[in-house]
Amino acid sequence: MKTMNQACYKLDWGAITIEGFSDEKKEALHVFNSDLSKKEKIDRVKKFAIGRVIWAHKHFPTGTNQRIVFDVRGQSLSSQELEEIKNSILESVIVIISTKLSIEFKL
């Protein structure tokens, strides 16, 4: 994921759409209900999530944190697979922007 072409994250995503914003925490919430059943799908979901976080970061007030919740209920993923997805996204985002990003999975 680190070697992925960063130009793909310079696309214009249009209006920022998030599921929620906490003024108290200064945190934006993204919720993804994604099919993570195959490697190709996982790679596409990671790329999408990274792109959304980077695009939103460009438009949020300085210091805004972001949180991603992946709704993976009904899918058979090991805790190791979920941890690999999470770490891959976090590592890729930190290389491109510096923002606090948390990721969780709704099982």
PDB file of N, CA and C in Angstrom:
ATOM      1  N   MET A   1       0.814  -1.184   0.000  1.00  0.00           N
ATOM      2  CA  MET A   1       0.000   0.000   0.000  1.00  0.00           C
ATOM      3  C   MET A   1       0.862   1.253   0.000  1.00  0.00           C
ATOM      4  N   LYS A   2       2.029   1.229   0.647  1.00  0.00           N
ATOM      5  CA  LYS A   2       2.879   2.403   0.702  1.00  0.00           C
ATOM      6  C   LYS A   2       3.381   2.808  -0.675  1.00  0.00           C
ATOM      7  N   THR A   3       3.513   1.858  -1.573  1.00  0.00           N
ATOM      8  CA  THR A   3       4.032   2.162  -2.901  1.00  0.00           C
ATOM      9  C   THR A   3       2.942   2.600  -3.867  1.00  0.00           C
ATOM     10  N   MET A   4       1.703   2.621  -3.413  1.00  0.00           N
ATOM     11  CA  MET A   4       0.590   2.998  -4.267  1.00  0.00           C
ATOM     12  C   MET A   4       0.797   4.419  -4.791  1.00  0.00           C
ATOM     13  N   ASN A   5       0.420   4.649  -6.020  1.00  0.00           N
ATOM     14  CA  ASN A   5       0.549   5.959  -6.642  1.00  0.00           C
ATOM     15  C   ASN A   5      -0.270   6.989  -5.874  1.00  0.00           C
ATOM     16  N   GLN A   6       0.419   7.965  -5.290  1.00  0.00           N
ATOM     17  CA  GLN A   6      -0.264   8.964  -4.475  1.00  0.00           C
ATOM     18  C   GLN A   6      -1.064   9.942  -5.322  1.00  0.00           C
ATOM     19  N   ALA A   7      -0.853   9.977  -6.626  1.00  0.00           N
ATOM     20  CA  ALA A   7      -1.615  10.874  -7.495  1.00  0.00           C
ATOM     21  C   ALA A   7      -3.108  10.543  -7.445  1.00  0.00           C
ATOM     22  N   CYS A   8      -3.444   9.295  -7.184  1.00  0.00           N
ATOM     23  CA  CYS A   8      -4.855   8.912  -7.134  1.00  0.00           C
ATOM     24  C   CYS A   8      -5.581   9.598  -5.984  1.00  0.00           C
ATOM     25  N   TYR A   9      -4.837  10.140  -5.016  1.00  0.00           N
ATOM     26  CA  TYR A   9      -5.462  10.817  -3.885  1.00  0.00           C
ATOM     27  C   TYR A   9      -5.580  12.323  -4.106  1.00  0.00           C
ATOM     28  N   LYS A  10      -5.244  12.781  -5.291  1.00  0.00           N
ATOM     29  CA  LYS A  10      -5.348  14.200  -5.609  1.00  0.00           C
ATOM     30  C   LYS A  10      -6.612  14.495  -6.409  1.00  0.00           C
ATOM     31  N   LEU A  11      -7.479  13.520  -6.543  1.00  0.00           N
ATOM     32  CA  LEU A  11      -8.723  13.694  -7.284  1.00  0.00           C
ATOM     33  C   LEU A  11      -9.663  14.639  -6.541  1.00  0.00           C
ATOM     34  N   ASP A  12     -10.531  15.302  -7.296  1.00  0.00           N
ATOM     35  CA  ASP A  12     -11.553  16.160  -6.703  1.00  0.00           C
ATOM     36  C   ASP A  12     -12.762  15.289  -6.383  1.00  0.00           C
ATOM     37  N   TRP A  13     -13.020  15.103  -5.097  1.00  0.00           N
ATOM     38  CA  TRP A  13     -14.110  14.247  -4.654  1.00  0.00           C
ATOM     39  C   TRP A  13     -15.413  15.013  -4.506  1.00  0.00           C
ATOM     40  N   GLY A  14     -15.407  16.290  -4.802  1.00  0.00           N
ATOM     41  CA  GLY A  14     -16.625  17.085  -4.685  1.00  0.00           C
ATOM     42  C   GLY A  14     -16.922  17.435  -3.242  1.00  0.00           C
ATOM     43  N   ALA A  15     -18.204  17.631  -2.962  1.00  0.00           N
ATOM     44  CA  ALA A  15     -18.630  18.021  -1.611  1.00  0.00           C
ATOM     45  C   ALA A  15     -18.238  16.962  -0.586  1.00  0.00           C
ATOM     46  N   ILE A  16     -17.880  17.410   0.596  1.00  0.00           N
ATOM     47  CA  ILE A  16     -17.502  16.495   1.668  1.00  0.00           C
ATOM     48  C   ILE A  16     -18.777  15.880   2.245  1.00  0.00           C
ATOM     49  N   THR A  17     -18.800  14.566   2.291  1.00  0.00           N
ATOM     50  CA  THR A  17     -19.947  13.872   2.872  1.00  0.00           C
ATOM     51  C   THR A  17     -19.442  12.982   3.997  1.00  0.00           C
ATOM     52  N   ILE A  18     -19.869  13.278   5.184  1.00  0.00           N
ATOM     53  CA  ILE A  18     -19.506  12.460   6.339  1.00  0.00           C
ATOM     54  C   ILE A  18     -20.791  12.076   7.061  1.00  0.00           C
ATOM     55  N   GLU A  19     -20.692  11.072   7.872  1.00  0.00           N
ATOM     56  CA  GLU A  19     -21.877  10.597   8.582  1.00  0.00           C
ATOM     57  C   GLU A  19     -22.150  11.382   9.851  1.00  0.00           C
ATOM     58  N   GLY A  20     -21.140  12.043  10.366  1.00  0.00           N
ATOM     59  CA  GLY A  20     -21.354  12.811  11.581  1.00  0.00           C
ATOM     60  C   GLY A  20     -20.151  13.651  11.927  1.00  0.00           C
ATOM     61  N   PHE A  21     -20.359  14.644  12.788  1.00  0.00           N
ATOM     62  CA  PHE A  21     -19.272  15.497  13.263  1.00  0.00           C
ATOM     63  C   PHE A  21     -19.535  15.847  14.716  1.00  0.00           C
ATOM     64  N   SER A  22     -18.534  15.635  15.557  1.00  0.00           N
ATOM     65  CA  SER A  22     -18.625  15.984  16.973  1.00  0.00           C
ATOM     66  C   SER A  22     -17.831  17.262  17.198  1.00  0.00           C
ATOM     67  N   ASP A  23     -18.550  18.334  17.546  1.00  0.00           N
ATOM     68  CA  ASP A  23     -17.876  19.591  17.863  1.00  0.00           C
ATOM     69  C   ASP A  23     -17.024  19.432  19.125  1.00  0.00           C
ATOM     70  N   GLU A  24     -17.533  18.677  20.087  1.00  0.00           N
ATOM     71  CA  GLU A  24     -16.803  18.447  21.341  1.00  0.00           C
ATOM     72  C   GLU A  24     -15.436  17.820  21.090  1.00  0.00           C
ATOM     73  N   LYS A  25     -15.444  16.746  20.296  1.00  0.00           N
ATOM     74  CA  LYS A  25     -14.208  16.017  20.019  1.00  0.00           C
ATOM     75  C   LYS A  25     -13.446  16.581  18.823  1.00  0.00           C
ATOM     76  N   LYS A  26     -14.107  17.481  18.093  1.00  0.00           N
ATOM     77  CA  LYS A  26     -13.566  17.995  16.828  1.00  0.00           C
ATOM     78  C   LYS A  26     -13.183  16.790  15.947  1.00  0.00           C
ATOM     79  N   GLU A  27     -14.199  15.929  15.738  1.00  0.00           N
ATOM     80  CA  GLU A  27     -13.978  14.664  15.051  1.00  0.00           C
ATOM     81  C   GLU A  27     -15.056  14.416  14.011  1.00  0.00           C
ATOM     82  N   ALA A  28     -14.612  14.038  12.815  1.00  0.00           N
ATOM     83  CA  ALA A  28     -15.516  13.674  11.724  1.00  0.00           C
ATOM     84  C   ALA A  28     -15.634  12.155  11.671  1.00  0.00           C
ATOM     85  N   LEU A  29     -16.837  11.670  11.379  1.00  0.00           N
ATOM     86  CA  LEU A  29     -17.109  10.236  11.336  1.00  0.00           C
ATOM     87  C   LEU A  29     -17.434   9.799   9.918  1.00  0.00           C
ATOM     88  N   HIS A  30     -16.722   8.769   9.460  1.00  0.00           N
ATOM     89  CA  HIS A  30     -17.004   8.111   8.180  1.00  0.00           C
ATOM     90  C   HIS A  30     -17.463   6.689   8.514  1.00  0.00           C
ATOM     91  N   VAL A  31     -18.554   6.233   7.914  1.00  0.00           N
ATOM     92  CA  VAL A  31     -19.010   4.858   8.111  1.00  0.00           C
ATOM     93  C   VAL A  31     -19.046   4.177   6.752  1.00  0.00           C
ATOM     94  N   PHE A  32     -18.399   3.030   6.668  1.00  0.00           N
ATOM     95  CA  PHE A  32     -18.364   2.270   5.423  1.00  0.00           C
ATOM     96  C   PHE A  32     -18.949   0.884   5.666  1.00  0.00           C
ATOM     97  N   ASN A  33     -19.898   0.490   4.839  1.00  0.00           N
ATOM     98  CA  ASN A  33     -20.442  -0.855   4.848  1.00  0.00           C
ATOM     99  C   ASN A  33     -19.862  -1.508   3.608  1.00  0.00           C
ATOM    100  N   SER A  34     -18.781  -2.247   3.795  1.00  0.00           N
ATOM    101  CA  SER A  34     -17.983  -2.722   2.666  1.00  0.00           C
ATOM    102  C   SER A  34     -17.859  -4.228   2.625  1.00  0.00           C
ATOM    103  N   ASP A  35     -17.765  -4.735   1.416  1.00  0.00           N
ATOM    104  CA  ASP A  35     -17.535  -6.161   1.188  1.00  0.00           C
ATOM    105  C   ASP A  35     -16.030  -6.399   1.226  1.00  0.00           C
ATOM    106  N   LEU A  36     -15.577  -7.125   2.234  1.00  0.00           N
ATOM    107  CA  LEU A  36     -14.152  -7.415   2.401  1.00  0.00           C
ATOM    108  C   LEU A  36     -13.883  -8.910   2.223  1.00  0.00           C
ATOM    109  N   SER A  37     -14.583  -9.513   1.276  1.00  0.00           N
ATOM    110  CA  SER A  37     -14.505 -10.960   1.095  1.00  0.00           C
ATOM    111  C   SER A  37     -13.338 -11.431   0.241  1.00  0.00           C
ATOM    112  N   LYS A  38     -12.739 -10.533  -0.527  1.00  0.00           N
ATOM    113  CA  LYS A  38     -11.628 -10.905  -1.416  1.00  0.00           C
ATOM    114  C   LYS A  38     -10.554  -9.842  -1.361  1.00  0.00           C
ATOM    115  N   LYS A  39      -9.327 -10.236  -1.663  1.00  0.00           N
ATOM    116  CA  LYS A  39      -8.199  -9.309  -1.629  1.00  0.00           C
ATOM    117  C   LYS A  39      -8.432  -8.088  -2.515  1.00  0.00           C
ATOM    118  N   GLU A  40      -8.964  -8.287  -3.712  1.00  0.00           N
ATOM    119  CA  GLU A  40      -9.200  -7.163  -4.626  1.00  0.00           C
ATOM    120  C   GLU A  40     -10.188  -6.160  -4.018  1.00  0.00           C
ATOM    121  N   LYS A  41     -11.201  -6.688  -3.349  1.00  0.00           N
ATOM    122  CA  LYS A  41     -12.202  -5.825  -2.725  1.00  0.00           C
ATOM    123  C   LYS A  41     -11.609  -5.081  -1.533  1.00  0.00           C
ATOM    124  N   ILE A  42     -10.783  -5.767  -0.770  1.00  0.00           N
ATOM    125  CA  ILE A  42     -10.116  -5.132   0.364  1.00  0.00           C
ATOM    126  C   ILE A  42      -9.216  -4.004  -0.127  1.00  0.00           C
ATOM    127  N   ASP A  43      -8.447  -4.259  -1.174  1.00  0.00           N
ATOM    128  CA  ASP A  43      -7.563  -3.228  -1.723  1.00  0.00           C
ATOM    129  C   ASP A  43      -8.351  -2.012  -2.202  1.00  0.00           C
ATOM    130  N   ARG A  44      -9.479  -2.247  -2.846  1.00  0.00           N
ATOM    131  CA  ARG A  44     -10.315  -1.148  -3.341  1.00  0.00           C
ATOM    132  C   ARG A  44     -10.913  -0.348  -2.171  1.00  0.00           C
ATOM    133  N   VAL A  45     -11.357  -1.039  -1.133  1.00  0.00           N
ATOM    134  CA  VAL A  45     -11.935  -0.371   0.034  1.00  0.00           C
ATOM    135  C   VAL A  45     -10.874   0.467   0.745  1.00  0.00           C
ATOM    136  N   LYS A  46      -9.662  -0.074   0.878  1.00  0.00           N
ATOM    137  CA  LYS A  46      -8.583   0.681   1.519  1.00  0.00           C
ATOM    138  C   LYS A  46      -8.275   1.940   0.728  1.00  0.00           C
ATOM    139  N   LYS A  47      -8.185   1.816  -0.566  1.00  0.00           N
ATOM    140  CA  LYS A  47      -7.891   2.960  -1.431  1.00  0.00           C
ATOM    141  C   LYS A  47      -8.992   4.024  -1.301  1.00  0.00           C
ATOM    142  N   PHE A  48     -10.224   3.590  -1.280  1.00  0.00           N
ATOM    143  CA  PHE A  48     -11.364   4.501  -1.139  1.00  0.00           C
ATOM    144  C   PHE A  48     -11.314   5.218   0.208  1.00  0.00           C
ATOM    145  N   ALA A  49     -11.097   4.466   1.277  1.00  0.00           N
ATOM    146  CA  ALA A  49     -11.068   5.052   2.622  1.00  0.00           C
ATOM    147  C   ALA A  49      -9.939   6.077   2.741  1.00  0.00           C
ATOM    148  N   ILE A  50      -8.781   5.741   2.230  1.00  0.00           N
ATOM    149  CA  ILE A  50      -7.642   6.658   2.275  1.00  0.00           C
ATOM    150  C   ILE A  50      -7.967   7.929   1.493  1.00  0.00           C
ATOM    151  N   GLY A  51      -8.536   7.778   0.317  1.00  0.00           N
ATOM    152  CA  GLY A  51      -8.905   8.929  -0.496  1.00  0.00           C
ATOM    153  C   GLY A  51      -9.907   9.828   0.202  1.00  0.00           C
ATOM    154  N   ARG A  52     -10.915   9.240   0.829  1.00  0.00           N
ATOM    155  CA  ARG A  52     -11.930  10.032   1.547  1.00  0.00           C
ATOM    156  C   ARG A  52     -11.319  10.814   2.704  1.00  0.00           C
ATOM    157  N   VAL A  53     -10.452  10.167   3.468  1.00  0.00           N
ATOM    158  CA  VAL A  53      -9.819  10.824   4.613  1.00  0.00           C
ATOM    159  C   VAL A  53      -8.933  11.978   4.148  1.00  0.00           C
ATOM    160  N   ILE A  54      -8.162  11.750   3.115  1.00  0.00           N
ATOM    161  CA  ILE A  54      -7.273  12.794   2.610  1.00  0.00           C
ATOM    162  C   ILE A  54      -8.075  13.960   2.054  1.00  0.00           C
ATOM    163  N   TRP A  55      -9.117  13.672   1.276  1.00  0.00           N
ATOM    164  CA  TRP A  55      -9.942  14.741   0.709  1.00  0.00           C
ATOM    165  C   TRP A  55     -10.614  15.545   1.823  1.00  0.00           C
ATOM    166  N   ALA A  56     -11.174  14.870   2.788  1.00  0.00           N
ATOM    167  CA  ALA A  56     -11.854  15.557   3.878  1.00  0.00           C
ATOM    168  C   ALA A  56     -10.869  16.413   4.678  1.00  0.00           C
ATOM    169  N   HIS A  57      -9.673  15.881   4.899  1.00  0.00           N
ATOM    170  CA  HIS A  57      -8.644  16.603   5.653  1.00  0.00           C
ATOM    171  C   HIS A  57      -8.348  17.966   5.030  1.00  0.00           C
ATOM    172  N   LYS A  58      -8.386  18.033   3.727  1.00  0.00           N
ATOM    173  CA  LYS A  58      -8.098  19.280   3.012  1.00  0.00           C
ATOM    174  C   LYS A  58      -9.167  20.341   3.270  1.00  0.00           C
ATOM    175  N   HIS A  59     -10.349  19.925   3.703  1.00  0.00           N
ATOM    176  CA  HIS A  59     -11.479  20.841   3.831  1.00  0.00           C
ATOM    177  C   HIS A  59     -11.954  21.076   5.258  1.00  0.00           C
ATOM    178  N   PHE A  60     -11.482  20.266   6.193  1.00  0.00           N
ATOM    179  CA  PHE A  60     -11.871  20.450   7.584  1.00  0.00           C
ATOM    180  C   PHE A  60     -11.007  21.518   8.243  1.00  0.00           C
ATOM    181  N   PRO A  61     -11.514  22.113   9.320  1.00  0.00           N
ATOM    182  CA  PRO A  61     -10.693  23.062  10.081  1.00  0.00           C
ATOM    183  C   PRO A  61      -9.436  22.363  10.618  1.00  0.00           C
ATOM    184  N   THR A  62      -8.371  23.106  10.749  1.00  0.00           N
ATOM    185  CA  THR A  62      -7.124  22.563  11.287  1.00  0.00           C
ATOM    186  C   THR A  62      -7.380  21.884  12.624  1.00  0.00           C
ATOM    187  N   GLY A  63      -6.766  20.728  12.808  1.00  0.00           N
ATOM    188  CA  GLY A  63      -6.904  19.995  14.059  1.00  0.00           C
ATOM    189  C   GLY A  63      -8.079  19.042  14.117  1.00  0.00           C
ATOM    190  N   THR A  64      -8.830  18.923  13.016  1.00  0.00           N
ATOM    191  CA  THR A  64      -9.966  17.994  13.006  1.00  0.00           C
ATOM    192  C   THR A  64      -9.455  16.561  12.935  1.00  0.00           C
ATOM    193  N   ASN A  65      -9.940  15.727  13.837  1.00  0.00           N
ATOM    194  CA  ASN A  65      -9.636  14.299  13.830  1.00  0.00           C
ATOM    195  C   ASN A  65     -10.670  13.585  12.972  1.00  0.00           C
ATOM    196  N   GLN A  66     -10.309  12.398  12.514  1.00  0.00           N
ATOM    197  CA  GLN A  66     -11.253  11.609  11.732  1.00  0.00           C
ATOM    198  C   GLN A  66     -11.328  10.199  12.293  1.00  0.00           C
ATOM    199  N   ARG A  67     -12.517   9.625  12.169  1.00  0.00           N
ATOM    200  CA  ARG A  67     -12.745   8.256  12.638  1.00  0.00           C
ATOM    201  C   ARG A  67     -13.477   7.504  11.544  1.00  0.00           C
ATOM    202  N   ILE A  68     -13.010   6.300  11.269  1.00  0.00           N
ATOM    203  CA  ILE A  68     -13.671   5.422  10.305  1.00  0.00           C
ATOM    204  C   ILE A  68     -14.251   4.237  11.057  1.00  0.00           C
ATOM    205  N   VAL A  69     -15.500   3.915  10.748  1.00  0.00           N
ATOM    206  CA  VAL A  69     -16.125   2.700  11.264  1.00  0.00           C
ATOM    207  C   VAL A  69     -16.488   1.848  10.049  1.00  0.00           C
ATOM    208  N   PHE A  70     -15.910   0.666   9.979  1.00  0.00           N
ATOM    209  CA  PHE A  70     -16.255  -0.291   8.935  1.00  0.00           C
ATOM    210  C   PHE A  70     -17.310  -1.234   9.497  1.00  0.00           C
ATOM    211  N   ASP A  71     -18.464  -1.286   8.865  1.00  0.00           N
ATOM    212  CA  ASP A  71     -19.519  -2.209   9.268  1.00  0.00           C
ATOM    213  C   ASP A  71     -19.294  -3.501   8.491  1.00  0.00           C
ATOM    214  N   VAL A  72     -18.773  -4.504   9.164  1.00  0.00           N
ATOM    215  CA  VAL A  72     -18.455  -5.776   8.510  1.00  0.00           C
ATOM    216  C   VAL A  72     -19.279  -6.921   9.097  1.00  0.00           C
ATOM    217  N   ARG A  73     -20.420  -6.569   9.655  1.00  0.00           N
ATOM    218  CA  ARG A  73     -21.275  -7.612  10.235  1.00  0.00           C
ATOM    219  C   ARG A  73     -21.636  -8.639   9.171  1.00  0.00           C
ATOM    220  N   GLY A  74     -21.596  -9.912   9.580  1.00  0.00           N
ATOM    221  CA  GLY A  74     -21.950 -11.011   8.688  1.00  0.00           C
ATOM    222  C   GLY A  74     -20.799 -11.487   7.818  1.00  0.00           C
ATOM    223  N   GLN A  75     -19.637 -10.869   7.954  1.00  0.00           N
ATOM    224  CA  GLN A  75     -18.484 -11.286   7.154  1.00  0.00           C
ATOM    225  C   GLN A  75     -17.518 -12.072   8.035  1.00  0.00           C
ATOM    226  N   SER A  76     -16.810 -12.990   7.414  1.00  0.00           N
ATOM    227  CA  SER A  76     -15.871 -13.834   8.154  1.00  0.00           C
ATOM    228  C   SER A  76     -14.452 -13.309   7.981  1.00  0.00           C
ATOM    229  N   LEU A  77     -14.056 -12.449   8.898  1.00  0.00           N
ATOM    230  CA  LEU A  77     -12.709 -11.886   8.875  1.00  0.00           C
ATOM    231  C   LEU A  77     -12.061 -12.122  10.226  1.00  0.00           C
ATOM    232  N   SER A  78     -10.824 -12.549  10.198  1.00  0.00           N
ATOM    233  CA  SER A  78     -10.116 -12.780  11.455  1.00  0.00           C
ATOM    234  C   SER A  78      -9.668 -11.448  12.044  1.00  0.00           C
ATOM    235  N   SER A  79      -9.368 -11.467  13.318  1.00  0.00           N
ATOM    236  CA  SER A  79      -8.879 -10.240  13.955  1.00  0.00           C
ATOM    237  C   SER A  79      -7.550  -9.821  13.333  1.00  0.00           C
ATOM    238  N   GLN A  80      -6.759 -10.781  12.880  1.00  0.00           N
ATOM    239  CA  GLN A  80      -5.494 -10.469  12.219  1.00  0.00           C
ATOM    240  C   GLN A  80      -5.737  -9.754  10.881  1.00  0.00           C
ATOM    241  N   GLU A  81      -6.709 -10.221  10.109  1.00  0.00           N
ATOM    242  CA  GLU A  81      -7.036  -9.563   8.839  1.00  0.00           C
ATOM    243  C   GLU A  81      -7.525  -8.132   9.066  1.00  0.00           C
ATOM    244  N   LEU A  82      -8.371  -7.951  10.056  1.00  0.00           N
ATOM    245  CA  LEU A  82      -8.881  -6.615  10.362  1.00  0.00           C
ATOM    246  C   LEU A  82      -7.755  -5.692  10.814  1.00  0.00           C
ATOM    247  N   GLU A  83      -6.855  -6.211  11.615  1.00  0.00           N
ATOM    248  CA  GLU A  83      -5.713  -5.423  12.084  1.00  0.00           C
ATOM    249  C   GLU A  83      -4.800  -5.025  10.919  1.00  0.00           C
ATOM    250  N   GLU A  84      -4.617  -5.934   9.966  1.00  0.00           N
ATOM    251  CA  GLU A  84      -3.800  -5.626   8.783  1.00  0.00           C
ATOM    252  C   GLU A  84      -4.448  -4.527   7.933  1.00  0.00           C
ATOM    253  N   ILE A  85      -5.749  -4.592   7.769  1.00  0.00           N
ATOM    254  CA  ILE A  85      -6.473  -3.555   7.016  1.00  0.00           C
ATOM    255  C   ILE A  85      -6.304  -2.209   7.722  1.00  0.00           C
ATOM    256  N   LYS A  86      -6.542  -2.211   9.008  1.00  0.00           N
ATOM    257  CA  LYS A  86      -6.431  -0.989   9.811  1.00  0.00           C
ATOM    258  C   LYS A  86      -5.026  -0.393   9.709  1.00  0.00           C
ATOM    259  N   ASN A  87      -4.011  -1.197   9.946  1.00  0.00           N
ATOM    260  CA  ASN A  87      -2.636  -0.703   9.921  1.00  0.00           C
ATOM    261  C   ASN A  87      -2.225  -0.201   8.548  1.00  0.00           C
ATOM    262  N   SER A  88      -2.665  -0.873   7.518  1.00  0.00           N
ATOM    263  CA  SER A  88      -2.344  -0.459   6.158  1.00  0.00           C
ATOM    264  C   SER A  88      -2.917   0.930   5.859  1.00  0.00           C
ATOM    265  N   ILE A  89      -4.157   1.156   6.251  1.00  0.00           N
ATOM    266  CA  ILE A  89      -4.791   2.465   6.035  1.00  0.00           C
ATOM    267  C   ILE A  89      -4.079   3.532   6.854  1.00  0.00           C
ATOM    268  N   LEU A  90      -3.831   3.257   8.124  1.00  0.00           N
ATOM    269  CA  LEU A  90      -3.169   4.232   8.989  1.00  0.00           C
ATOM    270  C   LEU A  90      -1.783   4.602   8.459  1.00  0.00           C
ATOM    271  N   GLU A  91      -1.007   3.604   8.067  1.00  0.00           N
ATOM    272  CA  GLU A  91       0.338   3.861   7.543  1.00  0.00           C
ATOM    273  C   GLU A  91       0.288   4.702   6.270  1.00  0.00           C
ATOM    274  N   SER A  92      -0.649   4.420   5.404  1.00  0.00           N
ATOM    275  CA  SER A  92      -0.759   5.151   4.146  1.00  0.00           C
ATOM    276  C   SER A  92      -1.193   6.597   4.369  1.00  0.00           C
ATOM    277  N   VAL A  93      -2.126   6.808   5.274  1.00  0.00           N
ATOM    278  CA  VAL A  93      -2.610   8.164   5.542  1.00  0.00           C
ATOM    279  C   VAL A  93      -1.498   9.009   6.157  1.00  0.00           C
ATOM    280  N   ILE A  94      -0.761   8.443   7.097  1.00  0.00           N
ATOM    281  CA  ILE A  94       0.282   9.201   7.797  1.00  0.00           C
ATOM    282  C   ILE A  94       1.387   9.620   6.826  1.00  0.00           C
ATOM    283  N   VAL A  95       1.658   8.813   5.814  1.00  0.00           N
ATOM    284  CA  VAL A  95       2.678   9.154   4.824  1.00  0.00           C
ATOM    285  C   VAL A  95       2.256  10.398   4.041  1.00  0.00           C
ATOM    286  N   ILE A  96       0.971  10.580   3.828  1.00  0.00           N
ATOM    287  CA  ILE A  96       0.476  11.663   2.974  1.00  0.00           C
ATOM    288  C   ILE A  96       0.076  12.896   3.778  1.00  0.00           C
ATOM    289  N   ILE A  97      -0.609  12.708   4.885  1.00  0.00           N
ATOM    290  CA  ILE A  97      -1.040  13.843   5.718  1.00  0.00           C
ATOM    291  C   ILE A  97      -0.816  13.495   7.177  1.00  0.00           C
ATOM    292  N   SER A  98      -0.741  14.509   7.988  1.00  0.00           N
ATOM    293  CA  SER A  98      -0.643  14.246   9.429  1.00  0.00           C
ATOM    294  C   SER A  98      -1.986  14.616  10.052  1.00  0.00           C
ATOM    295  N   THR A  99      -2.715  13.621  10.434  1.00  0.00           N
ATOM    296  CA  THR A  99      -4.001  13.808  11.087  1.00  0.00           C
ATOM    297  C   THR A  99      -4.216  12.647  12.040  1.00  0.00           C
ATOM    298  N   LYS A 100      -5.006  12.864  13.064  1.00  0.00           N
ATOM    299  CA  LYS A 100      -5.350  11.771  13.964  1.00  0.00           C
ATOM    300  C   LYS A 100      -6.497  11.007  13.323  1.00  0.00           C
ATOM    301  N   LEU A 101      -6.259   9.755  13.081  1.00  0.00           N
ATOM    302  CA  LEU A 101      -7.250   8.895  12.448  1.00  0.00           C
ATOM    303  C   LEU A 101      -7.421   7.646  13.295  1.00  0.00           C
ATOM    304  N   SER A 102      -8.661   7.326  13.638  1.00  0.00           N
ATOM    305  CA  SER A 102      -8.932   6.070  14.332  1.00  0.00           C
ATOM    306  C   SER A 102      -9.824   5.211  13.440  1.00  0.00           C
ATOM    307  N   ILE A 103      -9.637   3.918  13.565  1.00  0.00           N
ATOM    308  CA  ILE A 103     -10.381   2.969  12.732  1.00  0.00           C
ATOM    309  C   ILE A 103     -10.913   1.865  13.633  1.00  0.00           C
ATOM    310  N   GLU A 104     -12.186   1.563  13.440  1.00  0.00           N
ATOM    311  CA  GLU A 104     -12.781   0.454  14.197  1.00  0.00           C
ATOM    312  C   GLU A 104     -13.686  -0.358  13.278  1.00  0.00           C
ATOM    313  N   PHE A 105     -14.005  -1.546  13.716  1.00  0.00           N
ATOM    314  CA  PHE A 105     -14.834  -2.457  12.938  1.00  0.00           C
ATOM    315  C   PHE A 105     -16.070  -2.847  13.749  1.00  0.00           C
ATOM    316  N   LYS A 106     -17.213  -2.713  13.119  1.00  0.00           N
ATOM    317  CA  LYS A 106     -18.476  -3.146  13.741  1.00  0.00           C
ATOM    318  C   LYS A 106     -18.701  -4.579  13.295  1.00  0.00           C
ATOM    319  N   LEU A 107     -18.578  -5.508  14.239  1.00  0.00           N
ATOM    320  CA  LEU A 107     -18.676  -6.932  13.912  1.00  0.00           C
ATOM    321  C   LEU A 107     -20.067  -7.474  14.129  1.00  0.00           C
TER     322      LEU A 107
END
